[in-house]
Protein backbone atom coordinates (compact mmCIF):
# COMPACT_ATOMS: atom_id res chain seq x y z
CA UNK A 1 4.19 33.94 17.99
CA UNK A 2 2.65 36.20 15.32
CA UNK A 3 -0.43 35.12 13.35
CA UNK A 4 1.43 34.11 10.18
CA UNK A 5 3.90 31.89 12.03
CA UNK A 6 1.11 30.35 14.09
CA UNK A 7 -0.91 29.52 10.97
CA UNK A 8 2.19 28.06 9.31
CA UNK A 9 2.91 25.87 12.35
CA UNK A 10 -0.68 24.60 12.46
CA UNK A 11 -0.60 23.83 8.72
CA UNK A 12 2.76 22.03 9.08
CA UNK A 13 1.27 19.82 11.78
CA UNK A 14 -1.82 19.19 9.65
CA UNK A 15 0.34 18.18 6.67
CA UNK A 16 2.12 15.61 8.80
CA UNK A 17 -1.19 14.29 10.10
CA UNK A 18 -2.60 13.99 6.57
CA UNK A 19 0.11 11.51 5.56
CA UNK A 20 0.07 9.60 8.84
CA UNK A 21 -1.46 6.20 9.59
CA UNK A 22 -3.69 7.91 12.16
CA UNK A 23 -5.64 9.89 9.54
CA UNK A 24 -9.40 9.94 10.14
CA UNK A 25 -12.19 12.44 9.54
CA UNK A 26 -12.88 13.08 13.27
CA UNK A 27 -9.16 13.51 13.93
CA UNK A 28 -8.74 15.91 11.02
CA UNK A 29 -11.80 17.93 12.07
CA UNK A 30 -10.45 18.25 15.58
CA UNK A 31 -7.06 19.50 14.36
CA UNK A 32 -8.66 21.87 11.85
CA UNK A 33 -10.45 23.67 14.69
CA UNK A 34 -7.16 25.41 15.44
CA UNK A 35 -7.49 27.26 12.11
CA UNK A 36 -11.09 28.40 12.59
CA UNK A 37 -10.23 31.65 14.34
CA UNK A 38 -8.05 32.76 11.42
CA UNK A 39 -10.96 32.52 8.92
CA UNK A 40 -8.76 31.24 6.08
CA UNK A 41 -10.64 31.31 2.76
CA UNK A 42 -8.09 32.05 0.03
CA UNK A 43 -5.44 29.30 0.04
CA UNK A 44 -3.87 30.12 -3.32
CA UNK A 45 -0.72 31.66 -1.83
CA UNK A 46 -0.24 29.37 1.15
CA UNK A 47 -1.54 26.03 -0.11
CA UNK A 48 1.42 24.97 -2.33
CA UNK A 49 3.56 24.92 0.81
CA UNK A 50 0.95 23.20 2.96
CA UNK A 51 -0.98 20.99 0.49
CA UNK A 52 -3.35 19.17 2.78
CA UNK A 53 -5.52 17.75 0.00
CA UNK A 54 -2.49 16.46 -1.93
CA UNK A 55 -1.12 14.82 1.22
CA UNK A 56 -4.39 13.07 2.03
CA UNK A 57 -4.57 11.71 -1.53
CA UNK A 58 -1.26 9.88 -1.00
CA UNK A 59 -2.67 8.21 2.10
CA UNK A 60 -4.14 4.71 1.99
CA UNK A 61 -6.68 5.87 4.60
CA UNK A 62 -8.20 8.45 2.24
CA UNK A 63 -12.01 8.54 2.11
CA UNK A 64 -14.58 10.51 0.14
CA UNK A 65 -15.79 12.12 3.36
CA UNK A 66 -12.31 13.46 4.16
CA UNK A 67 -11.91 14.88 0.65
CA UNK A 68 -15.36 16.51 0.76
CA UNK A 69 -14.50 18.04 4.11
CA UNK A 70 -11.22 19.52 2.85
CA UNK A 71 -12.83 20.85 -0.32
CA UNK A 72 -15.49 22.49 1.82
CA UNK A 73 -12.78 24.13 3.93
CA UNK A 74 -10.56 25.03 0.95
CA UNK A 75 -12.82 25.28 -2.13
CA UNK A 76 -10.00 26.03 -4.59
CA UNK A 77 -7.67 23.20 -3.57
CA UNK A 78 -8.64 20.86 -6.44
CA UNK A 79 -7.33 23.39 -8.96
CA UNK A 80 -3.97 24.05 -7.28
CA UNK A 81 -0.75 22.54 -8.60
CA UNK A 82 1.77 21.55 -5.98
CA UNK A 83 5.28 20.14 -6.03
CA UNK A 84 6.17 20.47 -2.38
CA UNK A 85 3.81 18.01 -0.78
CA UNK A 86 4.94 15.02 1.24
CA UNK A 87 5.11 11.71 -0.57
CA UNK A 88 6.71 8.28 -0.42
CA UNK A 89 9.11 9.03 -3.26
CA UNK A 90 12.10 10.70 -1.64
CA UNK A 91 14.36 10.73 -4.72
CA UNK A 92 12.13 11.84 -7.56
CA UNK A 93 9.16 13.46 -5.84
CA UNK A 94 6.43 15.11 -7.84
CA UNK A 95 6.28 18.13 -10.10
CA UNK A 96 3.23 20.34 -10.70
CA UNK A 97 0.67 17.71 -9.87
CA UNK A 98 -3.00 18.40 -9.38
CA UNK A 99 -4.88 16.43 -6.72
CA UNK A 100 -6.49 14.37 -9.50
CA UNK A 101 -3.12 12.90 -10.53
CA UNK A 102 -2.54 11.64 -7.01
CA UNK A 103 -6.07 10.28 -6.67
CA UNK A 104 -5.57 8.30 -9.88
CA UNK A 105 -2.15 7.12 -8.71
CA UNK A 106 -3.28 5.91 -5.27
CA UNK A 107 -4.89 2.48 -5.63
CA UNK A 108 -6.55 2.94 -2.24
CA UNK A 109 -8.44 5.97 -3.55
CA UNK A 110 -12.03 5.14 -4.59
CA UNK A 111 -13.53 6.16 -7.93
CA UNK A 112 -15.98 8.45 -6.12
CA UNK A 113 -13.07 10.73 -5.19
CA UNK A 114 -11.74 10.74 -8.75
CA UNK A 115 -15.10 11.77 -10.19
CA UNK A 116 -15.49 14.48 -7.55
CA UNK A 117 -12.06 15.96 -8.34
CA UNK A 118 -12.83 15.82 -12.06
CA UNK A 119 -16.00 17.80 -11.46
CA UNK A 120 -14.02 20.38 -9.49
CA UNK A 121 -11.20 20.77 -12.03
CA UNK A 122 -11.51 18.96 -15.39
CA UNK A 123 -8.46 20.73 -16.78
CA UNK A 124 -6.29 18.40 -14.69
CA UNK A 125 -7.26 15.49 -16.98
CA UNK A 126 -5.29 17.12 -19.80
CA UNK A 127 -2.28 18.06 -17.70
CA UNK A 128 0.95 16.04 -17.84
CA UNK A 129 2.72 15.80 -14.50
CA UNK A 130 5.31 13.81 -12.56
CA UNK A 131 3.87 11.80 -9.68
CA UNK A 132 6.78 9.84 -8.28
CA UNK A 133 8.93 7.29 -10.07
CA UNK A 134 6.16 5.22 -11.64
CA UNK A 135 7.14 5.51 -15.30
CA UNK A 136 10.78 4.67 -15.97
CA UNK A 137 12.53 5.96 -19.09
CA UNK A 138 14.44 2.77 -19.79
CA UNK A 139 18.19 3.27 -19.50
CA UNK A 140 17.86 6.88 -18.40
CA UNK A 141 17.94 7.90 -14.75
CA UNK A 142 14.71 9.81 -15.22
CA UNK A 143 10.98 9.37 -15.21
CA UNK A 144 8.25 10.29 -17.67
CA UNK A 145 5.29 12.57 -17.16
CA UNK A 146 1.77 11.20 -17.27
CA UNK A 147 -1.86 12.21 -17.50
CA UNK A 148 -4.26 11.12 -14.75
CA UNK A 149 -5.38 8.41 -17.21
CA UNK A 150 -1.87 6.91 -17.22
CA UNK A 151 -1.64 6.84 -13.45
CA UNK A 152 -5.08 5.26 -13.12
CA UNK A 153 -4.43 2.53 -15.70
CA UNK A 154 -1.06 1.76 -14.10
CA UNK A 155 -2.64 0.96 -10.73
CA UNK A 156 -1.89 -2.52 -9.48
CA UNK A 157 -5.49 -2.87 -8.26
CA UNK A 158 -8.80 -1.08 -7.67
CA UNK A 159 -9.35 -0.11 -11.31
CA UNK A 160 -12.83 0.34 -12.75
CA UNK A 161 -13.49 0.18 -16.49
CA UNK A 162 -16.59 2.29 -15.81
CA UNK A 163 -14.39 5.07 -14.43
CA UNK A 164 -12.05 4.89 -17.42
CA UNK A 165 -14.67 4.66 -20.17
CA UNK A 166 -17.42 6.88 -18.78
CA UNK A 167 -15.44 9.56 -16.97
CA UNK A 168 -11.74 9.77 -17.78
CA UNK A 169 -11.47 9.00 -21.51
CA UNK A 170 -14.32 11.29 -22.73
CA UNK A 171 -12.79 14.23 -20.88
CA UNK A 172 -9.35 13.43 -22.28
CA UNK A 173 -10.54 12.79 -25.84
CA UNK A 174 -9.30 16.09 -27.26
CA UNK A 175 -5.83 15.05 -26.15
CA UNK A 176 -6.15 11.49 -27.40
CA UNK A 177 -3.03 11.59 -29.63
CA UNK A 178 -1.02 12.72 -26.61
CA UNK A 179 -2.81 10.46 -24.16
CA UNK A 180 -1.59 7.43 -26.07
CA UNK A 181 1.91 8.07 -24.77
CA UNK A 182 3.21 9.49 -21.52
CA UNK A 183 4.88 12.35 -23.39
CA UNK A 184 6.02 13.04 -26.94
CA UNK A 185 9.20 10.97 -26.51
CA UNK A 186 7.82 8.06 -24.50
CA UNK A 187 6.92 4.65 -25.85
CA UNK A 188 4.49 3.80 -23.06
CA UNK A 189 0.83 3.34 -23.94
CA UNK A 190 -2.04 2.93 -21.50
CA UNK A 191 -2.41 -0.71 -22.60
CA UNK A 192 1.27 -1.36 -21.73
CA UNK A 193 0.77 0.17 -18.29
CA UNK A 194 -2.30 -1.97 -17.71
CA UNK A 195 -0.49 -5.15 -18.63
CA UNK A 196 2.69 -4.34 -16.69
CA UNK A 197 0.75 -3.54 -13.51
CA UNK A 198 -0.88 -6.97 -13.30
């Protein structure tokens, strides 16, 4: 097996592990050792097809330590959009999401991870993306885009007003007219999402 195929196979296996119920920091570190001899630094070309960070952020077993470890291994991962990562939404999937969108979407993801990802790539706060089938467009068989703010407010649990007021809203303030709705044609407001998720 040539080097490229071997790396791809290792990354495929890692992607599966990152969405599994077995995910843990020691387990991930052990599996990552297989990549050490390839000295992978630049993930910009390969990452969208093997988005380890995105996959972990879907997982209910996600921890700050795991995210810090992956960002140490792949420093640019927080700023990479991906639409090919594994997720629980088979029909609608995701389109051009940054890791921050998924962190805000996943109610098992602590605020410490959200603030870390914001520090790594604040631009994501102003980026509309699809992250599954969370926001229905009424009678249409389609789903609306959202900012990280929308996905965070729509969580069923594990929401912190401190995170919203101190971190997310100030960084989204320049987009406030757009942040009030999921997109220019949507009627959803963050307050509606908060109420409907209770």
